[in-house]
């Protein structure tokens, strides 16, 4: 599991979102719409994704 990664893409703007969700999106490294980042597949990343699932699209690599 250590070498697994997640490809996370911001598909909806966090402008109208709860401030905590905005910070979570920023912490994931997503700054602009349609930006994609690769993050390690671990519990912390999964938890962050769960909080902002309505704003992002996730693919397993």
C-alpha atoms as a PDB file:
ATOM      1  CA  UNK A   1       0.000   0.000   0.000  1.00  0.00           C
ATOM      2  CA  UNK A   2       2.977   2.307   0.456  1.00  0.00           C
ATOM      3  CA  UNK A   3       3.488   2.707  -3.290  1.00  0.00           C
ATOM      4  CA  UNK A   4      -0.172   3.315  -4.140  1.00  0.00           C
ATOM      5  CA  UNK A   5      -1.189   6.810  -5.116  1.00  0.00           C
ATOM      6  CA  UNK A   6      -4.414   8.711  -5.633  1.00  0.00           C
ATOM      7  CA  UNK A   7      -4.995  11.166  -8.452  1.00  0.00           C
ATOM      8  CA  UNK A   8      -7.213  13.954  -7.084  1.00  0.00           C
ATOM      9  CA  UNK A   9      -8.824  16.561  -9.357  1.00  0.00           C
ATOM     10  CA  UNK A  10     -10.744  19.651  -8.234  1.00  0.00           C
ATOM     11  CA  UNK A  11     -13.972  19.635 -10.270  1.00  0.00           C
ATOM     12  CA  UNK A  12     -16.136  22.106  -8.344  1.00  0.00           C
ATOM     13  CA  UNK A  13     -15.141  25.495  -6.979  1.00  0.00           C
ATOM     14  CA  UNK A  14     -14.821  25.760  -3.184  1.00  0.00           C
ATOM     15  CA  UNK A  15     -15.885  29.439  -3.268  1.00  0.00           C
ATOM     16  CA  UNK A  16     -19.291  28.895  -1.645  1.00  0.00           C
ATOM     17  CA  UNK A  17     -18.088  26.053   0.558  1.00  0.00           C
ATOM     18  CA  UNK A  18     -17.696  25.963   4.326  1.00  0.00           C
ATOM     19  CA  UNK A  19     -14.367  27.584   5.362  1.00  0.00           C
ATOM     20  CA  UNK A  20     -13.112  24.280   6.803  1.00  0.00           C
ATOM     21  CA  UNK A  21     -13.690  22.616   3.421  1.00  0.00           C
ATOM     22  CA  UNK A  22     -11.816  25.413   1.652  1.00  0.00           C
ATOM     23  CA  UNK A  23      -8.809  24.798   3.907  1.00  0.00           C
ATOM     24  CA  UNK A  24      -9.004  21.050   3.256  1.00  0.00           C
ATOM     25  CA  UNK A  25      -8.975  21.589  -0.528  1.00  0.00           C
ATOM     26  CA  UNK A  26      -5.990  23.923  -0.132  1.00  0.00           C
ATOM     27  CA  UNK A  27      -4.190  21.389   2.087  1.00  0.00           C
ATOM     28  CA  UNK A  28      -4.609  18.780  -0.639  1.00  0.00           C
ATOM     29  CA  UNK A  29      -2.652  21.118  -2.930  1.00  0.00           C
ATOM     30  CA  UNK A  30      -5.599  22.027  -5.125  1.00  0.00           C
ATOM     31  CA  UNK A  31      -5.495  25.726  -5.953  1.00  0.00           C
ATOM     32  CA  UNK A  32      -7.386  26.025  -9.255  1.00  0.00           C
ATOM     33  CA  UNK A  33     -10.313  24.305 -10.914  1.00  0.00           C
ATOM     34  CA  UNK A  34      -9.370  21.134 -12.845  1.00  0.00           C
ATOM     35  CA  UNK A  35      -5.942  20.994 -11.188  1.00  0.00           C
ATOM     36  CA  UNK A  36      -4.777  17.442 -10.489  1.00  0.00           C
ATOM     37  CA  UNK A  37      -2.387  16.293  -7.760  1.00  0.00           C
ATOM     38  CA  UNK A  38      -1.014  12.891  -6.815  1.00  0.00           C
ATOM     39  CA  UNK A  39      -1.137  12.020  -3.134  1.00  0.00           C
ATOM     40  CA  UNK A  40      -0.177   8.850  -1.257  1.00  0.00           C
ATOM     41  CA  UNK A  41      -3.063   6.481  -0.554  1.00  0.00           C
ATOM     42  CA  UNK A  42      -3.233   6.561   3.247  1.00  0.00           C
ATOM     43  CA  UNK A  43      -5.804   7.125   5.971  1.00  0.00           C
ATOM     44  CA  UNK A  44      -5.074  10.854   6.318  1.00  0.00           C
ATOM     45  CA  UNK A  45      -5.527  11.535   2.611  1.00  0.00           C
ATOM     46  CA  UNK A  46      -8.671   9.377   2.468  1.00  0.00           C
ATOM     47  CA  UNK A  47     -10.152  11.329   5.383  1.00  0.00           C
ATOM     48  CA  UNK A  48      -9.481  14.653   3.691  1.00  0.00           C
ATOM     49  CA  UNK A  49     -11.064  13.394   0.475  1.00  0.00           C
ATOM     50  CA  UNK A  50     -14.128  12.165   2.362  1.00  0.00           C
ATOM     51  CA  UNK A  51     -14.715  15.683   3.746  1.00  0.00           C
ATOM     52  CA  UNK A  52     -14.627  17.326   0.308  1.00  0.00           C
ATOM     53  CA  UNK A  53     -15.948  14.444  -1.833  1.00  0.00           C
ATOM     54  CA  UNK A  54     -18.535  16.746  -3.429  1.00  0.00           C
ATOM     55  CA  UNK A  55     -15.754  19.000  -4.801  1.00  0.00           C
ATOM     56  CA  UNK A  56     -13.217  16.480  -6.080  1.00  0.00           C
ATOM     57  CA  UNK A  57     -12.846  13.479  -8.377  1.00  0.00           C
ATOM     58  CA  UNK A  58     -10.532  10.659  -7.274  1.00  0.00           C
ATOM     59  CA  UNK A  59      -8.788   7.964  -9.316  1.00  0.00           C
ATOM     60  CA  UNK A  60      -6.551   5.201  -8.018  1.00  0.00           C
ATOM     61  CA  UNK A  61      -3.198   4.842  -9.783  1.00  0.00           C
END
